C-alpha atoms as a PDB file:
ATOM      1  CA  MET A   1      -8.510   8.995  10.723  1.00  0.00           C
ATOM      2  CA  LEU A   2      -4.950   7.944  11.531  1.00  0.00           C
ATOM      3  CA  ARG A   3      -6.152   4.607  12.864  1.00  0.00           C
ATOM      4  CA  ASP A   4      -7.774   3.879   9.493  1.00  0.00           C
ATOM      5  CA  ILE A   5      -4.430   3.554   7.690  1.00  0.00           C
ATOM      6  CA  THR A   6      -3.894  -0.165   6.994  1.00  0.00           C
ATOM      7  CA  ILE A   7      -0.508   0.038   5.227  1.00  0.00           C
ATOM      8  CA  GLY A   8       2.095  -1.882   7.215  1.00  0.00           C
ATOM      9  CA  GLN A   9      -0.451  -3.775   9.324  1.00  0.00           C
ATOM     10  CA  TYR A  10      -0.656  -7.560   9.353  1.00  0.00           C
ATOM     11  CA  TYR A  11      -3.953  -9.432   9.695  1.00  0.00           C
ATOM     12  CA  PRO A  12      -3.230 -12.980  10.972  1.00  0.00           C
ATOM     13  CA  GLU A  13      -5.304 -15.684   9.300  1.00  0.00           C
ATOM     14  CA  ASN A  14      -4.868 -19.206   7.972  1.00  0.00           C
ATOM     15  CA  SER A  15      -5.841 -18.567   4.366  1.00  0.00           C
ATOM     16  CA  ILE A  16      -4.391 -19.722   1.061  1.00  0.00           C
ATOM     17  CA  ILE A  17      -3.223 -16.153   0.368  1.00  0.00           C
ATOM     18  CA  HIS A  18      -1.385 -16.019   3.709  1.00  0.00           C
ATOM     19  CA  ARG A  19       0.376 -19.303   2.913  1.00  0.00           C
ATOM     20  CA  LEU A  20       1.677 -18.204  -0.481  1.00  0.00           C
ATOM     21  CA  ASP A  21       5.393 -17.549  -0.829  1.00  0.00           C
ATOM     22  CA  PRO A  22       6.215 -13.900  -0.002  1.00  0.00           C
ATOM     23  CA  ARG A  23       8.470 -13.640  -3.062  1.00  0.00           C
ATOM     24  CA  PHE A  24       5.552 -14.516  -5.301  1.00  0.00           C
ATOM     25  CA  LYS A  25       3.242 -12.072  -3.514  1.00  0.00           C
ATOM     26  CA  ILE A  26       5.729  -9.207  -3.880  1.00  0.00           C
ATOM     27  CA  LEU A  27       6.247  -9.869  -7.591  1.00  0.00           C
ATOM     28  CA  ALA A  28       2.523 -10.401  -8.139  1.00  0.00           C
ATOM     29  CA  THR A  29       1.814  -7.066  -6.456  1.00  0.00           C
ATOM     30  CA  PHE A  30       4.211  -5.276  -8.822  1.00  0.00           C
ATOM     31  CA  VAL A  31       2.604  -6.997 -11.804  1.00  0.00           C
ATOM     32  CA  TYR A  32      -0.834  -6.054 -10.483  1.00  0.00           C
ATOM     33  CA  ILE A  33       0.201  -2.380 -10.134  1.00  0.00           C
ATOM     34  CA  ILE A  34       1.574  -2.309 -13.685  1.00  0.00           C
ATOM     35  CA  SER A  35      -1.573  -3.963 -15.045  1.00  0.00           C
ATOM     36  CA  LEU A  36      -3.725  -1.217 -13.517  1.00  0.00           C
ATOM     37  CA  PHE A  37      -1.965   1.330 -15.735  1.00  0.00           C
ATOM     38  CA  ILE A  38      -2.407  -0.575 -18.993  1.00  0.00           C
ATOM     39  CA  ILE A  39      -6.177  -1.063 -18.846  1.00  0.00           C
ATOM     40  CA  ASP A  40      -8.550   1.515 -20.254  1.00  0.00           C
ATOM     41  CA  LYS A  41     -11.867  -0.265 -20.822  1.00  0.00           C
ATOM     42  CA  LEU A  42     -14.886  -1.100 -18.692  1.00  0.00           C
ATOM     43  CA  PHE A  43     -14.542  -4.828 -19.380  1.00  0.00           C
ATOM     44  CA  ALA A  44     -10.934  -4.792 -18.145  1.00  0.00           C
ATOM     45  CA  TYR A  45     -11.938  -2.966 -14.950  1.00  0.00           C
ATOM     46  CA  THR A  46     -14.694  -5.544 -14.462  1.00  0.00           C
ATOM     47  CA  LEU A  47     -12.096  -8.317 -14.703  1.00  0.00           C
ATOM     48  CA  VAL A  48      -9.896  -6.560 -12.132  1.00  0.00           C
ATOM     49  CA  THR A  49     -12.907  -6.120  -9.826  1.00  0.00           C
ATOM     50  CA  VAL A  50     -13.743  -9.828  -9.993  1.00  0.00           C
ATOM     51  CA  PHE A  51     -10.089 -10.834  -9.562  1.00  0.00           C
ATOM     52  CA  LEU A  52      -9.616  -8.527  -6.576  1.00  0.00           C
ATOM     53  CA  GLY A  53     -12.893  -9.690  -5.025  1.00  0.00           C
ATOM     54  CA  ILE A  54     -11.799 -13.339  -5.257  1.00  0.00           C
ATOM     55  CA  LEU A  55      -8.462 -12.479  -3.628  1.00  0.00           C
ATOM     56  CA  ILE A  56     -10.204 -10.704  -0.741  1.00  0.00           C
ATOM     57  CA  ILE A  57     -12.525 -13.665  -0.194  1.00  0.00           C
ATOM     58  CA  LEU A  58      -9.619 -16.145  -0.273  1.00  0.00           C
ATOM     59  CA  SER A  59      -7.549 -13.996   2.114  1.00  0.00           C
ATOM     60  CA  LYS A  60     -10.320 -14.113   4.752  1.00  0.00           C
ATOM     61  CA  VAL A  61      -9.554 -10.484   5.622  1.00  0.00           C
ATOM     62  CA  PRO A  62     -12.834  -8.613   6.306  1.00  0.00           C
ATOM     63  CA  LEU A  63     -13.776  -6.290   3.453  1.00  0.00           C
ATOM     64  CA  ALA A  64     -14.664  -3.523   5.918  1.00  0.00           C
ATOM     65  CA  TYR A  65     -11.153  -3.732   7.388  1.00  0.00           C
ATOM     66  CA  ILE A  66      -9.577  -3.388   3.936  1.00  0.00           C
ATOM     67  CA  LEU A  67     -11.854  -0.532   2.835  1.00  0.00           C
ATOM     68  CA  ARG A  68     -10.984   1.299   6.042  1.00  0.00           C
ATOM     69  CA  GLY A  69      -7.652   2.099   4.441  1.00  0.00           C
ATOM     70  CA  LEU A  70      -9.437   4.263   1.854  1.00  0.00           C
ATOM     71  CA  LYS A  71     -10.645   6.812   4.416  1.00  0.00           C
ATOM     72  CA  PRO A  72      -7.317   8.702   4.727  1.00  0.00           C
ATOM     73  CA  ILE A  73      -7.179   9.236   0.933  1.00  0.00           C
ATOM     74  CA  PHE A  74     -10.853  10.134   0.495  1.00  0.00           C
ATOM     75  CA  ILE A  75      -9.974  13.781  -0.201  1.00  0.00           C
ATOM     76  CA  ILE A  76      -7.398  12.713  -2.804  1.00  0.00           C
ATOM     77  CA  ILE A  77     -10.041  10.535  -4.490  1.00  0.00           C
ATOM     78  CA  ILE A  78     -12.483  13.462  -4.628  1.00  0.00           C
ATOM     79  CA  ILE A  79      -9.813  15.827  -6.020  1.00  0.00           C
ATOM     80  CA  THR A  80      -8.777  13.254  -8.631  1.00  0.00           C
ATOM     81  CA  PHE A  81     -12.380  12.794  -9.696  1.00  0.00           C
ATOM     82  CA  GLY A  82     -12.990  16.550  -9.913  1.00  0.00           C
ATOM     83  CA  ILE A  83      -9.840  17.320 -11.905  1.00  0.00           C
ATOM     84  CA  ASN A  84     -10.518  14.619 -14.490  1.00  0.00           C
ATOM     85  CA  ILE A  85     -14.232  15.264 -14.903  1.00  0.00           C
ATOM     86  CA  PHE A  86     -13.838  19.005 -15.467  1.00  0.00           C
ATOM     87  CA  MET A  87     -10.459  19.201 -17.221  1.00  0.00           C
ATOM     88  CA  THR A  88     -10.973  16.571 -19.925  1.00  0.00           C
ATOM     89  CA  LYS A  89     -12.218  17.934 -23.247  1.00  0.00           C
ATOM     90  CA  GLY A  90     -14.861  16.164 -25.288  1.00  0.00           C
ATOM     91  CA  VAL A  91     -18.601  15.947 -25.882  1.00  0.00           C
ATOM     92  CA  VAL A  92     -20.344  18.186 -23.354  1.00  0.00           C
ATOM     93  CA  ILE A  93     -23.201  16.477 -21.491  1.00  0.00           C
ATOM     94  CA  TYR A  94     -23.795  18.999 -18.695  1.00  0.00           C
ATOM     95  CA  ASN A  95     -22.772  22.518 -17.671  1.00  0.00           C
ATOM     96  CA  ILE A  96     -22.181  23.784 -14.136  1.00  0.00           C
ATOM     97  CA  GLY A  97     -21.626  27.486 -14.642  1.00  0.00           C
ATOM     98  CA  PRO A  98     -18.316  27.934 -16.489  1.00  0.00           C
ATOM     99  CA  LEU A  99     -17.424  24.278 -15.916  1.00  0.00           C
ATOM    100  CA  GLU A 100     -18.272  21.586 -18.453  1.00  0.00           C
ATOM    101  CA  ILE A 101     -18.814  17.911 -17.797  1.00  0.00           C
ATOM    102  CA  THR A 102     -17.907  15.872 -20.853  1.00  0.00           C
ATOM    103  CA  LYS A 103     -18.559  12.247 -21.681  1.00  0.00           C
ATOM    104  CA  GLU A 104     -14.838  11.573 -21.956  1.00  0.00           C
ATOM    105  CA  GLY A 105     -14.187  13.442 -18.698  1.00  0.00           C
ATOM    106  CA  LEU A 106     -16.770  11.391 -16.809  1.00  0.00           C
ATOM    107  CA  THR A 107     -15.321   8.138 -18.148  1.00  0.00           C
ATOM    108  CA  THR A 108     -11.741   9.184 -17.327  1.00  0.00           C
ATOM    109  CA  ALA A 109     -12.725  10.359 -13.836  1.00  0.00           C
ATOM    110  CA  VAL A 110     -14.473   7.090 -12.981  1.00  0.00           C
ATOM    111  CA  PHE A 111     -11.583   5.002 -14.320  1.00  0.00           C
ATOM    112  CA  MET A 112      -8.964   7.070 -12.441  1.00  0.00           C
ATOM    113  CA  VAL A 113     -10.873   6.754  -9.161  1.00  0.00           C
ATOM    114  CA  LEU A 114     -11.276   3.000  -9.648  1.00  0.00           C
ATOM    115  CA  ARG A 115      -7.578   2.720 -10.471  1.00  0.00           C
ATOM    116  CA  LEU A 116      -6.635   4.582  -7.288  1.00  0.00           C
ATOM    117  CA  ILE A 117      -8.991   2.499  -5.126  1.00  0.00           C
ATOM    118  CA  TYR A 118      -7.797  -0.787  -6.620  1.00  0.00           C
ATOM    119  CA  LEU A 119      -4.189   0.326  -6.169  1.00  0.00           C
ATOM    120  CA  ILE A 120      -4.645   0.934  -2.439  1.00  0.00           C
ATOM    121  CA  VAL A 121      -6.747  -2.186  -1.839  1.00  0.00           C
ATOM    122  CA  GLY A 122      -4.470  -4.477  -3.851  1.00  0.00           C
ATOM    123  CA  THR A 123      -1.230  -3.284  -2.249  1.00  0.00           C
ATOM    124  CA  SER A 124      -2.803  -3.400   1.219  1.00  0.00           C
ATOM    125  CA  LEU A 125      -3.420  -7.117   0.716  1.00  0.00           C
ATOM    126  CA  LEU A 126       0.350  -7.647   0.504  1.00  0.00           C
ATOM    127  CA  THR A 127       1.063  -6.348   4.016  1.00  0.00           C
ATOM    128  CA  LEU A 128      -2.213  -7.639   5.473  1.00  0.00           C
ATOM    129  CA  THR A 129      -1.431 -11.213   4.403  1.00  0.00           C
ATOM    130  CA  THR A 130       2.364 -11.215   4.846  1.00  0.00           C
ATOM    131  CA  SER A 131       4.075 -11.026   8.219  1.00  0.00           C
ATOM    132  CA  PRO A 132       7.032  -8.628   8.631  1.00  0.00           C
ATOM    133  CA  ILE A 133       9.492 -11.548   8.907  1.00  0.00           C
ATOM    134  CA  GLN A 134       8.203 -13.141   5.703  1.00  0.00           C
ATOM    135  CA  LEU A 135       8.275  -9.776   3.965  1.00  0.00           C
ATOM    136  CA  THR A 136      11.914  -9.263   4.986  1.00  0.00           C
ATOM    137  CA  ASP A 137      12.927 -12.710   3.760  1.00  0.00           C
ATOM    138  CA  GLY A 138      11.040 -12.259   0.500  1.00  0.00           C
ATOM    139  CA  ILE A 139      12.576  -8.865  -0.275  1.00  0.00           C
ATOM    140  CA  GLU A 140      16.048 -10.117   0.607  1.00  0.00           C
ATOM    141  CA  LYS A 141      15.713 -13.177  -1.634  1.00  0.00           C
ATOM    142  CA  LEU A 142      14.560 -11.021  -4.531  1.00  0.00           C
ATOM    143  CA  LEU A 143      17.474  -8.620  -4.036  1.00  0.00           C
ATOM    144  CA  ASN A 144      20.115 -11.362  -3.679  1.00  0.00           C
ATOM    145  CA  PRO A 145      21.035 -11.377  -7.422  1.00  0.00           C
ATOM    146  CA  PHE A 146      22.000  -7.689  -7.113  1.00  0.00           C
ATOM    147  CA  LYS A 147      24.649  -8.454  -4.482  1.00  0.00           C
ATOM    148  CA  ARG A 148      27.143  -8.958  -7.306  1.00  0.00           C
ATOM    149  CA  ILE A 149      27.000  -5.233  -8.075  1.00  0.00           C
ATOM    150  CA  GLY A 150      27.343  -4.241  -4.417  1.00  0.00           C
ATOM    151  CA  VAL A 151      23.684  -3.915  -3.402  1.00  0.00           C
ATOM    152  CA  PRO A 152      23.314  -4.662   0.365  1.00  0.00           C
ATOM    153  CA  ALA A 153      20.281  -6.920  -0.015  1.00  0.00           C
ATOM    154  CA  HIS A 154      19.812  -7.856   3.630  1.00  0.00           C
ATOM    155  CA  GLU A 155      20.238  -4.317   4.943  1.00  0.00           C
ATOM    156  CA  LEU A 156      17.800  -2.874   2.403  1.00  0.00           C
ATOM    157  CA  ALA A 157      15.234  -5.561   3.142  1.00  0.00           C
ATOM    158  CA  MET A 158      15.554  -4.991   6.869  1.00  0.00           C
ATOM    159  CA  MET A 159      15.197  -1.208   6.549  1.00  0.00           C
ATOM    160  CA  MET A 160      12.147  -1.469   4.300  1.00  0.00           C
ATOM    161  CA  THR A 161      10.436  -3.953   6.591  1.00  0.00           C
ATOM    162  CA  ILE A 162      11.180  -1.973   9.758  1.00  0.00           C
ATOM    163  CA  ALA A 163       9.800   1.135   8.063  1.00  0.00           C
ATOM    164  CA  LEU A 164       6.584  -0.695   7.154  1.00  0.00           C
ATOM    165  CA  ARG A 165       6.354  -2.260  10.598  1.00  0.00           C
ATOM    166  CA  PHE A 166       6.604   1.055  12.424  1.00  0.00           C
ATOM    167  CA  ILE A 167       4.033   2.922  10.306  1.00  0.00           C
ATOM    168  CA  PRO A 168       1.098   1.780  12.514  1.00  0.00           C
ATOM    169  CA  THR A 169       3.137   2.457  15.661  1.00  0.00           C
ATOM    170  CA  LEU A 170       4.025   6.001  14.618  1.00  0.00           C
ATOM    171  CA  LEU A 171       0.447   6.693  13.539  1.00  0.00           C
ATOM    172  CA  GLU A 172      -0.826   5.540  16.919  1.00  0.00           C
ATOM    173  CA  GLU A 173       1.740   7.723  18.683  1.00  0.00           C
ATOM    174  CA  THR A 174       0.757  10.682  16.458  1.00  0.00           C
ATOM    175  CA  ASP A 175      -2.870  10.209  17.439  1.00  0.00           C
ATOM    176  CA  LYS A 176      -1.964  10.153  21.144  1.00  0.00           C
ATOM    177  CA  ILE A 177       0.202  13.283  20.898  1.00  0.00           C
ATOM    178  CA  MET A 178      -2.494  15.107  18.923  1.00  0.00           C
ATOM    179  CA  LYS A 179      -5.154  14.300  21.523  1.00  0.00           C
ATOM    180  CA  ALA A 180      -2.818  15.366  24.337  1.00  0.00           C
ATOM    181  CA  GLN A 181      -2.066  18.684  22.598  1.00  0.00           C
ATOM    182  CA  MET A 182      -5.758  19.277  21.887  1.00  0.00           C
ATOM    183  CA  ALA A 183      -6.525  18.652  25.568  1.00  0.00           C
ATOM    184  CA  ARG A 184      -4.046  21.451  26.327  1.00  0.00           C
ATOM    185  CA  GLY A 185      -5.852  23.833  23.969  1.00  0.00           C
ATOM    186  CA  ALA A 186      -4.018  23.235  20.695  1.00  0.00           C
ATOM    187  CA  ASP A 187      -6.034  23.856  17.518  1.00  0.00           C
ATOM    188  CA  PHE A 188      -5.064  21.910  14.395  1.00  0.00           C
ATOM    189  CA  GLU A 189      -8.096  22.666  12.220  1.00  0.00           C
ATOM    190  CA  SER A 190      -8.845  26.401  12.195  1.00  0.00           C
ATOM    191  CA  GLY A 191      -6.969  29.183  10.402  1.00  0.00           C
ATOM    192  CA  ASN A 192      -5.224  29.408   7.043  1.00  0.00           C
ATOM    193  CA  ILE A 193      -2.598  27.044   5.668  1.00  0.00           C
ATOM    194  CA  VAL A 194       0.315  28.907   7.293  1.00  0.00           C
ATOM    195  CA  LYS A 195      -1.358  28.881  10.702  1.00  0.00           C
ATOM    196  CA  ARG A 196      -2.185  25.197  10.423  1.00  0.00           C
ATOM    197  CA  ALA A 197       1.407  24.427   9.451  1.00  0.00           C
ATOM    198  CA  LYS A 198       2.697  26.315  12.499  1.00  0.00           C
ATOM    199  CA  SER A 199       0.223  24.490  14.748  1.00  0.00           C
ATOM    200  CA  LEU A 200       1.802  21.185  13.691  1.00  0.00           C
ATOM    201  CA  ILE A 201       5.158  22.071  15.280  1.00  0.00           C
ATOM    202  CA  PRO A 202       4.057  20.983  18.809  1.00  0.00           C
ATOM    203  CA  LEU A 203       2.997  17.706  17.187  1.00  0.00           C
ATOM    204  CA  LEU A 204       6.038  17.039  15.008  1.00  0.00           C
ATOM    205  CA  VAL A 205       8.729  17.803  17.597  1.00  0.00           C
ATOM    206  CA  PRO A 206       7.686  15.121  20.159  1.00  0.00           C
ATOM    207  CA  LEU A 207       6.869  12.732  17.296  1.00  0.00           C
ATOM    208  CA  PHE A 208      10.388  12.978  15.854  1.00  0.00           C
ATOM    209  CA  ILE A 209      11.948  12.715  19.306  1.00  0.00           C
ATOM    210  CA  GLY A 210       9.881   9.593  20.002  1.00  0.00           C
ATOM    211  CA  ALA A 211      10.797   8.108  16.597  1.00  0.00           C
ATOM    212  CA  PHE A 212      14.526   8.630  17.213  1.00  0.00           C
ATOM    213  CA  ARG A 213      14.182   7.154  20.691  1.00  0.00           C
ATOM    214  CA  ARG A 214      12.444   4.071  19.282  1.00  0.00           C
ATOM    215  CA  ALA A 215      15.127   3.703  16.611  1.00  0.00           C
ATOM    216  CA  ASP A 216      17.867   3.924  19.247  1.00  0.00           C
ATOM    217  CA  ASP A 217      16.120   1.370  21.477  1.00  0.00           C
ATOM    218  CA  LEU A 218      15.687  -0.980  18.530  1.00  0.00           C
ATOM    219  CA  ALA A 219      19.360  -0.666  17.571  1.00  0.00           C
ATOM    220  CA  MET A 220      20.467  -1.361  21.162  1.00  0.00           C
ATOM    221  CA  ALA A 221      18.136  -4.363  21.408  1.00  0.00           C
ATOM    222  CA  MET A 222      19.475  -5.827  18.171  1.00  0.00           C
ATOM    223  CA  GLU A 223      23.063  -5.227  19.264  1.00  0.00           C
ATOM    224  CA  ALA A 224      22.428  -6.751  22.710  1.00  0.00           C
ATOM    225  CA  ARG A 225      21.185  -9.901  20.962  1.00  0.00           C
ATOM    226  CA  CYS A 226      24.358  -9.991  18.843  1.00  0.00           C
ATOM    227  CA  TYR A 227      22.371  -9.475  15.667  1.00  0.00           C
ATOM    228  CA  ARG A 228      24.499  -9.614  12.550  1.00  0.00           C
ATOM    229  CA  GLY A 229      22.803  -9.564   9.154  1.00  0.00           C
ATOM    230  CA  GLY A 230      24.062 -10.494   5.743  1.00  0.00           C
ATOM    231  CA  GLU A 231      26.421 -13.326   4.924  1.00  0.00           C
ATOM    232  CA  ASN A 232      26.291 -16.708   6.683  1.00  0.00           C
ATOM    233  CA  ARG A 233      23.060 -15.846   8.480  1.00  0.00           C
ATOM    234  CA  THR A 234      20.689 -18.821   8.656  1.00  0.00           C
ATOM    235  CA  ARG A 235      16.908 -18.862   9.002  1.00  0.00           C
ATOM    236  CA  MET A 236      14.616 -21.036  11.031  1.00  0.00           C
ATOM    237  CA  LYS A 237      12.237 -21.334   8.060  1.00  0.00           C
ATOM    238  CA  GLU A 238      13.719 -21.311   4.575  1.00  0.00           C
ATOM    239  CA  LEU A 239      11.519 -20.066   1.741  1.00  0.00           C
ATOM    240  CA  ARG A 240      10.473 -22.793  -0.683  1.00  0.00           C
ATOM    241  CA  LEU A 241       8.047 -22.659  -3.565  1.00  0.00           C
ATOM    242  CA  HIS A 242       5.162 -25.093  -3.331  1.00  0.00           C
ATOM    243  CA  LYS A 243       2.574 -26.361  -5.767  1.00  0.00           C
ATOM    244  CA  ARG A 244       0.127 -23.627  -4.747  1.00  0.00           C
ATOM    245  CA  ASP A 245       2.712 -20.969  -5.678  1.00  0.00           C
ATOM    246  CA  TYR A 246       3.135 -22.374  -9.181  1.00  0.00           C
ATOM    247  CA  ILE A 247      -0.632 -22.591  -9.651  1.00  0.00           C
ATOM    248  CA  ALA A 248      -1.027 -19.006  -8.447  1.00  0.00           C
ATOM    249  CA  SER A 249       1.745 -17.895 -10.841  1.00  0.00           C
ATOM    250  CA  VAL A 250      -0.077 -19.431 -13.796  1.00  0.00           C
ATOM    251  CA  ILE A 251      -3.313 -17.712 -12.731  1.00  0.00           C
ATOM    252  CA  VAL A 252      -1.619 -14.295 -12.434  1.00  0.00           C
ATOM    253  CA  ILE A 253       0.124 -14.680 -15.811  1.00  0.00           C
ATOM    254  CA  ALA A 254      -3.157 -15.704 -17.464  1.00  0.00           C
ATOM    255  CA  PHE A 255      -4.899 -12.726 -15.858  1.00  0.00           C
ATOM    256  CA  VAL A 256      -2.282 -10.242 -17.122  1.00  0.00           C
ATOM    257  CA  VAL A 257      -2.319 -11.758 -20.615  1.00  0.00           C
ATOM    258  CA  LEU A 258      -6.104 -11.401 -20.670  1.00  0.00           C
ATOM    259  CA  LEU A 259      -5.846  -7.729 -19.672  1.00  0.00           C
ATOM    260  CA  ILE A 260      -3.231  -7.086 -22.378  1.00  0.00           C
ATOM    261  CA  PHE A 261      -5.453  -8.840 -24.906  1.00  0.00           C
ATOM    262  CA  THR A 262      -8.435  -6.645 -24.002  1.00  0.00           C
ATOM    263  CA  ARG A 263      -6.297  -3.535 -24.560  1.00  0.00           C
ATOM    264  CA  ILE A 264      -4.919  -4.768 -27.902  1.00  0.00           C
ATOM    265  CA  GLN A 265      -8.386  -5.689 -29.133  1.00  0.00           C
ATOM    266  CA  GLY A 266      -9.607  -2.144 -28.473  1.00  0.00           C
END
């Protein structure tokens, strides 16, 4: 299950999505997330499905690899569906004992699940198609205007990127520690919530120790290489917008305008 988490992982490919400017991809991802919360009609969700499908095809990232990231939140998807389908009032279409399934509840439940799935898949494309170095540069460039009010743009960008980069590493280490503890007789699945929480202590203690050790090693490695971030630091590859970035910007703007129009028309 832990190996199925795709957030923070990079899938190397030579696709048009990979070659887009990271600044544009970060902003487009934020716009995409906002657009998911303004749509409320089947036609709008169909547009998002087609748009997301085209992006996946252009990215050349296997669909099965992307959908793998949905496995860890499968329980959350089921809970979200259940809460919305049973808790929304409206025209009753079916009864399950004291619970009522309404037409409005079914529609809301389906839309909420689709919104959650599209949110995970769409944001996963950002890290899958953007290398950690590009992501750092993109975040730093976007935060540069806030330096005037004292925001440490480079340090924030570096921390965010390192955090994303080490998510897969920590998950892999968690999986190894869990298997080692289970081989020694540890039980992480049986018992009530309190017992399960206590059983996680032998897992969390070595995980935190390992995380601090990795952080210390990383800091020493950066210091040994005389790393100094911030002002006067140059880059081997400067970010520049190309024709494909402008074309992609026009497409994203047109897509968002179309979604807004579908909501206004309703």
